[in-house]
N, C-alpha and C. Protein backbone atom coordinates (compact mmCIF):
# COMPACT_ATOMS: atom_id res chain seq x y z
N UNK A 1 11.34 75.68 3.67
CA UNK A 1 10.97 76.59 2.67
C UNK A 1 11.94 76.37 1.74
N UNK A 2 11.81 76.84 0.47
CA UNK A 2 13.19 76.43 -0.63
C UNK A 2 14.19 77.16 -0.74
N UNK A 3 14.85 77.37 -1.41
CA UNK A 3 15.88 77.46 -1.49
C UNK A 3 16.20 78.39 -2.95
N UNK A 4 17.45 79.84 -2.64
CA UNK A 4 17.66 80.30 -3.91
C UNK A 4 18.56 80.16 -4.55
N UNK A 5 18.81 79.84 -6.19
CA UNK A 5 19.83 79.06 -6.61
C UNK A 5 19.55 80.04 -7.95
N UNK A 6 20.91 79.95 -8.62
CA UNK A 6 21.49 80.47 -10.23
C UNK A 6 22.18 79.48 -10.52
N UNK A 7 22.40 79.60 -12.02
CA UNK A 7 23.29 78.92 -13.01
C UNK A 7 23.99 80.01 -13.52
N UNK A 8 25.03 79.73 -13.68
CA UNK A 8 26.30 80.69 -14.13
C UNK A 8 27.04 80.18 -15.24
N UNK A 9 27.63 80.25 -16.40
CA UNK A 9 28.36 79.74 -17.46
C UNK A 9 30.18 80.76 -17.25
N UNK A 10 30.89 80.28 -16.79
CA UNK A 10 32.00 80.99 -17.00
C UNK A 10 32.97 80.73 -17.46
N UNK A 11 34.23 81.11 -18.12
CA UNK A 11 34.91 80.90 -18.59
C UNK A 11 36.29 80.63 -17.50
N UNK A 12 37.61 79.88 -17.97
CA UNK A 12 38.53 79.86 -17.08
C UNK A 12 39.06 80.69 -16.15
N UNK A 13 39.35 81.82 -16.65
CA UNK A 13 39.37 82.84 -16.28
C UNK A 13 38.87 83.55 -15.71
N UNK A 14 37.20 82.70 -14.70
CA UNK A 14 36.68 83.59 -14.03
C UNK A 14 35.68 84.61 -15.01
N UNK A 15 35.66 84.85 -15.98
CA UNK A 15 34.79 85.90 -17.16
C UNK A 15 33.93 84.71 -17.44
N UNK A 16 32.51 85.89 -17.38
CA UNK A 16 31.00 85.21 -17.51
C UNK A 16 30.91 85.23 -19.53
N UNK A 17 30.65 83.93 -19.44
CA UNK A 17 30.85 83.74 -20.94
C UNK A 17 29.45 84.34 -21.95
N UNK A 18 28.50 84.36 -21.27
CA UNK A 18 26.98 84.99 -22.37
C UNK A 18 26.30 85.80 -21.53
N UNK A 19 25.60 86.67 -21.53
CA UNK A 19 24.46 87.79 -21.25
C UNK A 19 23.56 87.24 -21.28
N UNK A 20 22.93 85.90 -21.35
CA UNK A 20 21.21 85.58 -21.33
C UNK A 20 21.70 83.91 -20.59
N UNK A 21 21.33 83.93 -18.88
CA UNK A 21 21.85 82.92 -18.33
C UNK A 21 20.26 82.21 -18.36
N UNK A 22 20.74 80.91 -18.88
CA UNK A 22 19.87 80.10 -18.79
C UNK A 22 19.55 78.65 -17.64
N UNK A 23 19.13 78.81 -16.39
CA UNK A 23 18.65 77.71 -15.59
C UNK A 23 18.42 76.63 -16.34
N UNK A 24 18.76 75.69 -15.74
CA UNK A 24 18.67 73.63 -16.25
C UNK A 24 17.60 73.26 -16.30
N UNK A 25 16.90 72.96 -16.96
CA UNK A 25 15.14 71.89 -16.98
C UNK A 25 15.35 71.75 -15.42
N UNK A 26 16.80 70.97 -14.49
CA UNK A 26 16.03 70.51 -13.99
C UNK A 26 16.04 71.45 -12.58
N UNK A 27 16.77 72.77 -13.29
CA UNK A 27 16.15 73.84 -11.98
C UNK A 27 15.08 74.66 -11.56
N UNK A 28 14.40 74.52 -13.22
CA UNK A 28 12.72 74.98 -13.24
C UNK A 28 12.10 73.46 -12.91
N UNK A 29 12.09 72.47 -12.68
CA UNK A 29 11.23 71.46 -12.56
C UNK A 29 10.77 71.36 -11.19
N UNK A 30 11.80 71.93 -9.84
CA UNK A 30 11.12 71.93 -8.68
C UNK A 30 11.13 73.16 -8.28
N UNK A 31 11.18 74.39 -8.98
CA UNK A 31 10.80 76.05 -9.20
C UNK A 31 9.52 75.92 -8.73
N UNK A 32 9.11 76.98 -7.57
CA UNK A 32 8.03 77.78 -7.40
C UNK A 32 8.03 78.99 -7.69
N UNK A 33 9.31 79.87 -7.90
CA UNK A 33 9.29 80.98 -8.32
C UNK A 33 10.54 81.47 -9.12
N UNK A 34 10.66 82.25 -10.44
CA UNK A 34 11.89 82.10 -10.68
C UNK A 34 11.75 84.40 -10.28
N UNK A 35 13.02 84.66 -10.53
CA UNK A 35 13.47 85.93 -10.57
C UNK A 35 14.01 86.60 -11.56
N UNK A 36 14.01 87.90 -12.36
CA UNK A 36 14.95 87.93 -13.63
C UNK A 36 15.18 89.29 -13.23
N UNK A 37 16.35 89.71 -13.83
CA UNK A 37 16.75 90.78 -13.96
C UNK A 37 16.12 91.66 -15.32
N UNK A 38 15.80 92.92 -14.99
CA UNK A 38 15.31 93.63 -16.54
C UNK A 38 15.85 92.97 -17.60
N UNK A 39 17.27 93.46 -17.78
CA UNK A 39 17.88 92.76 -18.90
C UNK A 39 17.63 91.18 -19.61
N UNK A 40 17.83 90.37 -18.33
CA UNK A 40 16.96 88.93 -18.75
C UNK A 40 15.64 89.13 -18.92
N UNK A 41 14.90 89.92 -18.49
CA UNK A 41 13.61 89.94 -19.29
C UNK A 41 13.31 90.26 -20.50
N UNK A 42 14.24 91.61 -20.79
CA UNK A 42 14.03 92.36 -22.07
C UNK A 42 14.51 90.72 -23.50
N UNK A 43 15.10 90.28 -22.61
CA UNK A 43 16.27 89.35 -23.32
C UNK A 43 15.72 88.58 -24.10
N UNK A 44 14.36 87.70 -23.19
CA UNK A 44 13.66 86.72 -23.44
C UNK A 44 12.73 86.70 -24.16
N UNK A 45 12.11 88.34 -23.81
CA UNK A 45 11.02 89.30 -24.94
C UNK A 45 11.78 89.48 -26.04
N UNK A 46 12.46 90.05 -26.13
CA UNK A 46 12.62 90.14 -27.40
C UNK A 46 13.58 89.39 -28.32
N UNK A 47 13.57 88.10 -27.60
CA UNK A 47 14.18 87.55 -28.72
C UNK A 47 12.92 86.03 -28.55
N UNK A 48 12.10 85.66 -28.15
CA UNK A 48 10.80 84.96 -28.20
C UNK A 48 11.54 83.50 -27.93
N UNK A 49 12.30 83.59 -26.88
CA UNK A 49 12.79 82.69 -26.24
C UNK A 49 11.41 81.32 -26.13
N UNK A 50 12.54 79.89 -26.52
CA UNK A 50 11.60 79.13 -25.36
C UNK A 50 10.94 79.41 -24.50
N UNK A 51 11.17 79.97 -23.15
CA UNK A 51 10.81 80.17 -21.75
C UNK A 51 9.49 80.89 -22.03
N UNK A 52 9.52 81.65 -22.98
CA UNK A 52 8.79 82.47 -22.60
C UNK A 52 8.88 83.09 -24.12
N UNK A 53 7.21 83.20 -24.45
CA UNK A 53 6.82 83.84 -25.84
C UNK A 53 5.71 85.27 -25.64
N UNK A 54 5.94 86.12 -25.55
CA UNK A 54 5.24 87.62 -24.65
C UNK A 54 5.91 88.97 -25.50
N UNK A 55 4.85 89.61 -24.96
CA UNK A 55 5.97 91.10 -25.71
C UNK A 55 5.16 91.76 -24.58
N UNK A 56 5.79 93.02 -24.33
CA UNK A 56 5.31 93.83 -22.59
C UNK A 56 3.79 94.58 -23.20
N UNK A 57 3.38 94.35 -24.36
CA UNK A 57 1.67 94.58 -24.45
C UNK A 57 1.07 93.13 -24.85
N UNK A 58 0.02 93.06 -23.77
CA UNK A 58 -1.24 91.94 -24.08
C UNK A 58 -1.41 91.33 -25.56
N UNK A 59 -0.94 89.86 -26.11
CA UNK A 59 -1.29 89.94 -27.18
C UNK A 59 -2.76 90.49 -28.04
N UNK A 60 -3.65 90.49 -27.47
CA UNK A 60 -4.77 91.38 -28.03
C UNK A 60 -4.67 92.56 -28.35
N UNK A 61 -3.65 93.42 -27.42
CA UNK A 61 -3.90 94.63 -27.30
C UNK A 61 -2.99 95.13 -29.09
N UNK A 62 -1.59 93.69 -29.06
CA UNK A 62 -1.30 94.40 -29.98
C UNK A 62 -1.09 93.28 -31.21
N UNK A 63 -1.97 92.37 -31.20
CA UNK A 63 -2.78 92.35 -32.87
C UNK A 63 -1.71 90.31 -32.62
N UNK A 64 -0.82 90.42 -31.39
CA UNK A 64 -0.26 88.53 -31.67
C UNK A 64 -1.40 87.80 -31.33
N UNK A 65 -0.88 86.89 -31.39
CA UNK A 65 -1.60 85.58 -31.47
C UNK A 65 -1.47 85.06 -29.93
N UNK A 66 -0.13 85.24 -29.07
CA UNK A 66 0.10 85.09 -28.09
C UNK A 66 0.21 83.31 -27.29
N UNK A 67 1.30 82.90 -28.06
CA UNK A 67 1.32 81.44 -28.38
C UNK A 67 1.85 80.62 -26.87
N UNK A 68 1.81 81.15 -25.98
CA UNK A 68 2.21 81.00 -24.64
C UNK A 68 3.22 80.78 -24.35
N UNK A 69 3.72 80.02 -23.43
CA UNK A 69 5.45 79.93 -22.47
C UNK A 69 5.51 78.55 -22.01
N UNK A 70 6.64 78.52 -21.46
CA UNK A 70 7.15 77.54 -20.68
C UNK A 70 7.04 77.18 -19.19
N UNK A 71 7.16 78.46 -19.00
CA UNK A 71 7.46 78.93 -17.39
C UNK A 71 5.69 78.38 -16.75
N UNK A 72 6.15 77.95 -15.87
CA UNK A 72 4.77 78.14 -15.25
C UNK A 72 4.52 78.17 -13.77
N UNK A 73 5.70 79.22 -13.50
CA UNK A 73 5.62 80.13 -11.80
C UNK A 73 5.54 81.10 -12.41
N UNK A 74 5.23 82.12 -10.97
CA UNK A 74 5.70 83.47 -11.09
C UNK A 74 6.69 83.69 -11.15
N UNK A 75 6.85 84.85 -11.91
CA UNK A 75 8.29 85.57 -12.74
C UNK A 75 8.02 86.85 -11.69
N UNK A 76 9.17 87.17 -11.04
CA UNK A 76 9.35 88.26 -10.43
C UNK A 76 10.99 89.35 -10.83
N UNK A 77 9.98 90.18 -11.93
CA UNK A 77 11.36 91.13 -12.74
C UNK A 77 11.56 91.63 -12.01
N UNK A 78 13.12 92.39 -11.83
CA UNK A 78 13.55 93.80 -11.00
C UNK A 78 13.59 94.68 -11.84
N UNK A 79 12.31 95.78 -11.96
CA UNK A 79 12.42 96.63 -12.95
C UNK A 79 12.40 97.93 -12.08
N UNK A 80 13.20 98.88 -13.37
CA UNK A 80 12.97 100.45 -12.54
C UNK A 80 12.16 101.11 -12.38
N UNK A 81 10.93 100.68 -13.00
CA UNK A 81 9.62 101.84 -12.23
C UNK A 81 8.54 100.72 -12.10
N UNK A 82 7.46 101.19 -11.37
CA UNK A 82 6.58 100.17 -10.95
C UNK A 82 5.63 100.08 -12.81
N UNK A 83 5.32 98.68 -12.75
CA UNK A 83 4.58 97.99 -13.68
C UNK A 83 3.44 97.43 -12.96
N UNK A 84 2.35 97.45 -13.61
CA UNK A 84 1.09 95.92 -13.29
C UNK A 84 1.73 94.86 -13.92
N UNK A 85 0.83 93.84 -13.14
CA UNK A 85 1.38 92.56 -13.46
C UNK A 85 1.02 92.46 -14.78
N UNK A 86 1.96 91.59 -15.67
CA UNK A 86 1.44 90.79 -17.03
C UNK A 86 1.15 89.55 -16.59
N UNK A 87 0.38 89.32 -17.57
CA UNK A 87 0.22 87.38 -17.49
C UNK A 87 0.09 86.78 -19.01
N UNK A 88 0.59 85.74 -19.21
CA UNK A 88 0.60 85.49 -20.51
C UNK A 88 -0.55 84.49 -20.55
N UNK A 89 -0.47 84.19 -22.18
CA UNK A 89 -2.03 83.23 -22.24
C UNK A 89 -1.78 82.42 -21.78
N UNK A 90 -1.49 81.71 -21.31
CA UNK A 90 -0.82 79.85 -20.71
C UNK A 90 -0.89 81.09 -19.54
N UNK A 91 -0.70 81.95 -18.34
CA UNK A 91 -1.19 82.04 -16.99
C UNK A 91 -0.17 82.54 -16.09
N UNK A 92 0.75 82.61 -17.27
CA UNK A 92 2.39 82.65 -16.25
C UNK A 92 1.79 84.72 -15.79
N UNK A 93 2.34 84.66 -14.60
CA UNK A 93 2.19 86.23 -13.94
C UNK A 93 3.43 86.63 -14.35
N UNK A 94 3.70 88.01 -14.63
CA UNK A 94 4.92 88.69 -14.46
C UNK A 94 4.55 89.51 -13.47
N UNK A 95 5.74 89.79 -12.08
CA UNK A 95 5.41 90.35 -10.80
C UNK A 95 6.69 91.94 -11.27
N UNK A 96 6.63 92.68 -11.62
CA UNK A 96 7.56 94.04 -11.57
C UNK A 96 7.91 94.41 -10.15
N UNK A 97 8.80 93.94 -10.09
CA UNK A 97 9.44 94.58 -8.63
C UNK A 97 10.44 95.75 -8.71
N UNK A 98 10.01 97.26 -8.14
CA UNK A 98 11.14 98.39 -8.70
C UNK A 98 11.71 98.68 -6.95
N UNK A 99 11.72 97.68 -5.95
CA UNK A 99 12.15 98.13 -4.70
C UNK A 99 13.35 96.82 -4.74
N UNK A 100 14.10 96.57 -5.86
CA UNK A 100 15.67 96.16 -5.27
C UNK A 100 15.16 94.62 -5.01
N UNK A 101 16.14 93.79 -5.08
CA UNK A 101 16.58 92.53 -5.03
C UNK A 101 16.00 91.52 -3.47
N UNK A 102 16.42 92.30 -2.44
CA UNK A 102 15.58 91.89 -1.12
C UNK A 102 14.15 91.81 -1.24
N UNK A 103 13.50 92.66 -1.98
CA UNK A 103 12.26 92.79 -1.96
C UNK A 103 11.53 91.73 -2.79
N UNK A 104 12.19 91.40 -4.20
CA UNK A 104 12.14 90.27 -5.07
C UNK A 104 12.28 88.97 -4.38
N UNK A 105 13.07 88.88 -3.76
CA UNK A 105 13.41 87.15 -3.28
C UNK A 105 12.28 87.10 -2.23
N UNK A 106 11.76 88.46 -1.58
CA UNK A 106 10.89 88.07 -0.37
C UNK A 106 9.15 88.03 -1.24
N UNK A 107 8.67 88.33 -2.34
CA UNK A 107 7.46 88.01 -3.10
C UNK A 107 7.74 86.73 -3.26
N UNK A 108 8.89 86.64 -4.19
CA UNK A 108 9.28 85.12 -4.43
C UNK A 108 9.12 83.85 -3.43
N UNK A 109 9.92 83.99 -2.49
CA UNK A 109 9.65 83.59 -0.96
C UNK A 109 8.29 82.89 -1.08
N UNK A 110 7.34 84.16 -0.45
CA UNK A 110 5.98 84.12 -0.68
C UNK A 110 5.17 83.04 -1.13
N UNK A 111 5.59 83.92 -2.98
CA UNK A 111 4.71 82.63 -3.87
C UNK A 111 5.36 81.22 -4.37
N UNK A 112 6.86 81.13 -4.04
CA UNK A 112 7.17 79.43 -3.99
C UNK A 112 6.66 78.54 -3.20
N UNK A 113 6.39 79.21 -1.25
CA UNK A 113 6.10 78.10 -0.75
C UNK A 113 7.44 77.41 -0.12
N UNK A 114 6.64 76.20 -0.15
CA UNK A 114 8.55 75.28 -0.06
C UNK A 114 9.44 75.29 -1.34
N UNK A 115 8.81 75.39 -2.38
CA UNK A 115 9.97 74.83 -3.60
C UNK A 115 10.92 75.75 -3.46
N UNK A 116 11.60 75.49 -4.78
CA UNK A 116 12.59 76.53 -4.85
C UNK A 116 12.41 77.99 -5.89
N UNK A 117 13.77 78.64 -5.39
CA UNK A 117 13.25 79.18 -6.27
C UNK A 117 14.72 79.83 -7.53
N UNK A 118 14.68 80.28 -8.70
CA UNK A 118 15.53 80.34 -9.57
C UNK A 118 15.75 82.10 -9.77
N UNK A 119 17.16 82.16 -9.73
CA UNK A 119 17.45 83.69 -9.76
C UNK A 119 18.21 83.56 -11.26
N UNK A 120 17.60 84.07 -12.73
CA UNK A 120 17.67 84.22 -13.88
C UNK A 120 18.23 85.87 -13.77
N UNK A 121 19.62 85.95 -14.21
CA UNK A 121 19.87 87.21 -13.64
C UNK A 121 21.66 87.22 -14.53
N UNK A 122 22.04 88.68 -14.86
CA UNK A 122 23.34 88.67 -15.07
C UNK A 122 24.34 88.61 -13.43
N UNK A 123 24.73 89.27 -14.07
CA UNK A 123 26.26 88.69 -13.22
C UNK A 123 25.89 89.60 -12.16
N UNK A 124 25.76 91.22 -12.18
CA UNK A 124 25.64 92.03 -11.12
C UNK A 124 24.40 91.80 -9.96
N UNK A 125 23.33 91.00 -10.72
CA UNK A 125 22.21 90.63 -10.14
C UNK A 125 22.90 89.22 -8.36
N UNK A 126 23.97 88.62 -9.59
CA UNK A 126 24.29 87.65 -8.83
C UNK A 126 24.70 87.99 -7.76
N UNK A 127 25.98 88.93 -8.52
CA UNK A 127 27.07 89.20 -7.32
C UNK A 127 26.27 89.98 -6.06
N UNK A 128 24.95 90.69 -6.20
CA UNK A 128 24.30 91.04 -5.09
C UNK A 128 23.94 90.26 -4.09
N UNK A 129 23.05 89.34 -5.17
CA UNK A 129 22.65 88.02 -4.33
C UNK A 129 23.81 87.83 -2.98
N UNK A 130 24.72 87.03 -3.95
CA UNK A 130 26.13 86.40 -2.74
C UNK A 130 25.97 87.44 -1.59
N UNK A 131 26.55 88.82 -1.83
CA UNK A 131 26.29 89.95 -0.78
C UNK A 131 25.73 90.50 0.40
N UNK A 132 24.41 90.35 -0.38
CA UNK A 132 23.39 90.21 0.54
C UNK A 132 23.03 89.03 1.45
N UNK A 133 23.37 87.20 0.96
CA UNK A 133 23.45 86.55 1.64
C UNK A 133 21.80 85.49 1.52
N UNK A 134 21.52 86.42 0.13
CA UNK A 134 20.16 85.66 -0.55
C UNK A 134 20.51 84.77 -0.58
N UNK A 135 21.10 84.34 -1.78
CA UNK A 135 21.72 82.84 -2.56
C UNK A 135 22.38 81.91 -1.91
N UNK A 136 20.95 81.03 -2.02
CA UNK A 136 21.65 79.43 -1.52
C UNK A 136 22.34 78.48 -2.41
N UNK A 137 22.32 78.52 -3.25
CA UNK A 137 23.22 77.57 -3.94
C UNK A 137 23.71 78.02 -5.61
N UNK A 138 24.57 78.20 -5.98
CA UNK A 138 25.04 78.27 -6.82
C UNK A 138 25.68 77.56 -8.05
N UNK A 139 24.97 77.51 -9.36
CA UNK A 139 25.99 75.98 -10.08
C UNK A 139 27.08 77.21 -10.71
N UNK A 140 27.93 76.38 -11.22
CA UNK A 140 28.65 77.10 -12.03
C UNK A 140 29.19 76.15 -13.39
N UNK A 141 29.11 76.65 -14.41
CA UNK A 141 29.42 76.05 -15.75
C UNK A 141 30.48 76.55 -15.96
N UNK A 142 31.89 75.73 -16.11
CA UNK A 142 32.91 76.35 -16.04
C UNK A 142 33.33 75.70 -17.37
N UNK A 143 33.25 76.72 -18.47
CA UNK A 143 33.80 76.51 -19.98
C UNK A 143 35.36 76.10 -20.39
N UNK A 144 35.49 75.35 -20.93
CA UNK A 144 37.00 75.47 -21.10
C UNK A 144 37.20 75.87 -22.34
N UNK A 145 37.80 77.44 -21.99
CA UNK A 145 37.71 78.43 -23.05
C UNK A 145 38.73 79.56 -21.81
N UNK A 146 39.13 80.60 -22.64
CA UNK A 146 39.57 81.71 -22.30
C UNK A 146 39.17 82.52 -22.95
N UNK A 147 38.51 83.96 -21.85
CA UNK A 147 37.98 85.17 -22.61
C UNK A 147 39.15 85.96 -22.64
N UNK A 148 39.54 86.17 -21.83
CA UNK A 148 41.13 87.57 -21.69
C UNK A 148 39.74 88.68 -21.03
N UNK A 149 38.78 88.91 -20.94
CA UNK A 149 38.05 90.11 -21.10
C UNK A 149 37.11 89.71 -20.99
N UNK A 150 36.01 90.78 -20.08
CA UNK A 150 35.09 90.80 -19.95
C UNK A 150 34.32 91.49 -18.40
N UNK A 151 33.20 90.09 -18.15
CA UNK A 151 33.00 90.85 -16.49
C UNK A 151 33.18 89.73 -15.82
N UNK A 152 33.77 89.80 -14.68
CA UNK A 152 33.93 88.70 -14.18
C UNK A 152 33.07 88.55 -13.14
N UNK A 153 32.90 87.23 -12.70
CA UNK A 153 31.41 86.50 -12.07
C UNK A 153 31.85 87.09 -10.59
N UNK A 154 32.84 87.22 -10.02
CA UNK A 154 33.18 87.68 -8.53
C UNK A 154 34.00 88.76 -8.32
N UNK A 155 33.98 89.85 -9.16
CA UNK A 155 34.67 91.22 -9.13
C UNK A 155 34.26 92.08 -7.86
N UNK A 156 33.17 91.66 -7.63
CA UNK A 156 32.33 93.22 -6.37
C UNK A 156 32.17 91.84 -5.16
N UNK A 157 32.74 91.77 -5.12
CA UNK A 157 33.28 90.72 -3.67
C UNK A 157 33.98 90.84 -2.79
N UNK A 158 34.90 91.89 -3.39
CA UNK A 158 36.27 92.63 -3.03
C UNK A 158 36.74 92.33 -1.50
N UNK A 159 36.65 92.93 -0.73
CA UNK A 159 37.44 92.16 0.68
C UNK A 159 36.45 91.14 1.45
N UNK A 160 35.20 91.01 0.94
CA UNK A 160 34.61 89.74 1.90
C UNK A 160 35.00 88.35 1.61
N UNK A 161 34.95 87.60 2.42
CA UNK A 161 35.21 86.19 2.78
C UNK A 161 34.56 85.35 2.17
N UNK A 162 33.94 84.67 1.46
CA UNK A 162 32.86 83.97 1.13
C UNK A 162 33.63 82.47 1.46
N UNK A 163 32.97 81.80 2.00
CA UNK A 163 33.06 79.79 2.01
C UNK A 163 32.00 79.00 1.93
N UNK A 164 32.50 78.66 0.59
CA UNK A 164 31.59 77.72 -0.16
C UNK A 164 31.88 75.98 0.03
N UNK A 165 30.90 75.66 0.53
CA UNK A 165 31.03 74.06 0.46
C UNK A 165 30.59 73.72 -1.40
N UNK A 166 31.73 72.53 -1.84
CA UNK A 166 30.96 72.85 -3.11
C UNK A 166 31.09 70.62 -3.64
N UNK A 167 30.16 70.69 -4.58
CA UNK A 167 30.09 69.51 -5.29
C UNK A 167 30.79 69.68 -6.62
N UNK A 168 31.51 68.02 -6.90
CA UNK A 168 31.41 68.44 -8.72
C UNK A 168 31.30 67.11 -9.39
N UNK A 169 30.91 68.02 -10.33
CA UNK A 169 30.22 67.25 -11.38
C UNK A 169 31.12 67.49 -12.65
N UNK A 170 31.20 66.51 -13.58
CA UNK A 170 31.89 66.55 -15.10
C UNK A 170 31.29 66.30 -16.37
N UNK A 171 30.81 67.15 -17.38
CA UNK A 171 30.00 67.03 -18.14
C UNK A 171 31.24 65.96 -19.01
N UNK A 172 30.31 65.54 -20.29
CA UNK A 172 31.48 65.02 -21.19
C UNK A 172 31.54 65.92 -22.45
N UNK A 173 31.11 67.22 -22.11
CA UNK A 173 31.75 68.14 -23.38
C UNK A 173 33.08 69.03 -23.14
N UNK A 174 33.39 68.49 -21.78
CA UNK A 174 34.58 69.24 -21.20
C UNK A 174 34.20 70.42 -20.44
N UNK A 175 32.90 70.88 -20.31
CA UNK A 175 32.37 71.74 -19.56
C UNK A 175 32.09 70.99 -17.63
N UNK A 176 33.17 71.73 -17.01
CA UNK A 176 32.96 71.33 -15.75
C UNK A 176 31.52 72.24 -15.06
N UNK A 177 31.13 71.50 -14.33
CA UNK A 177 29.38 71.70 -13.82
C UNK A 177 29.94 71.67 -12.15
N UNK A 178 30.10 72.76 -11.58
CA UNK A 178 30.48 72.82 -10.09
C UNK A 178 29.37 73.43 -9.41
N UNK A 179 28.82 72.90 -8.46
CA UNK A 179 27.46 73.21 -7.13
C UNK A 179 28.49 74.17 -6.05
N UNK A 180 28.36 75.03 -5.55
CA UNK A 180 28.16 75.15 -4.40
C UNK A 180 27.22 76.23 -3.66
N UNK A 181 27.84 76.17 -2.27
CA UNK A 181 26.83 76.28 -1.26
C UNK A 181 27.21 77.69 -0.30
N UNK A 182 27.00 78.14 -0.08
CA UNK A 182 27.72 78.76 0.88
C UNK A 182 27.79 78.37 2.20
N UNK A 183 28.60 78.72 2.88
CA UNK A 183 28.74 77.66 4.10
C UNK A 183 28.27 78.22 5.40
N UNK A 184 27.42 77.48 6.35
CA UNK A 184 26.50 78.59 7.39
C UNK A 184 27.73 78.09 7.96
N UNK A 185 28.34 79.08 8.72
CA UNK A 185 29.62 79.31 9.67
C UNK A 185 28.93 78.76 11.23
N UNK A 186 27.61 79.10 11.19
CA UNK A 186 27.29 78.76 12.57
C UNK A 186 27.51 77.34 13.19
N UNK A 187 26.97 76.69 12.14
CA UNK A 187 26.46 75.42 11.73
C UNK A 187 28.44 74.15 11.83
């Protein structure tokens, strides 16, 4: 069974530095499914992201040409209302999951088989994945700046004590890349 991973950029003081998570190309290369929250989905579709070029209306109905997308895995969108799946011109299927993160992960695991899943979502959804013990690996990209305010990545963990195993990689840009995995206390 594949693992659920997330990439998040934070400042030195622990604030999320951007509202548009962008998993690495390496993460997508071994990915069998992608989970996004509603905000990321709307950002990707509104900005014609290089990952995806679609609208909420199929291209033929909207008069667009539908230039395709770079995602070739099924995408599970945490959405507040049920919707029928949307298929891009290149065949990427967007499944809208109104039943929450646990259900989206269940569906993504089924679709991914033995491949990994990427969680491309905002801070709240990443925090929920940690609280629900769904996230297997978190790739933190720590930028060399102090923001002083914003949304802290771990603010919702409260009294929870989470133990991580870490490996550290440093980038030439001054950004520190840290990969952490939840420690299996049973082992």
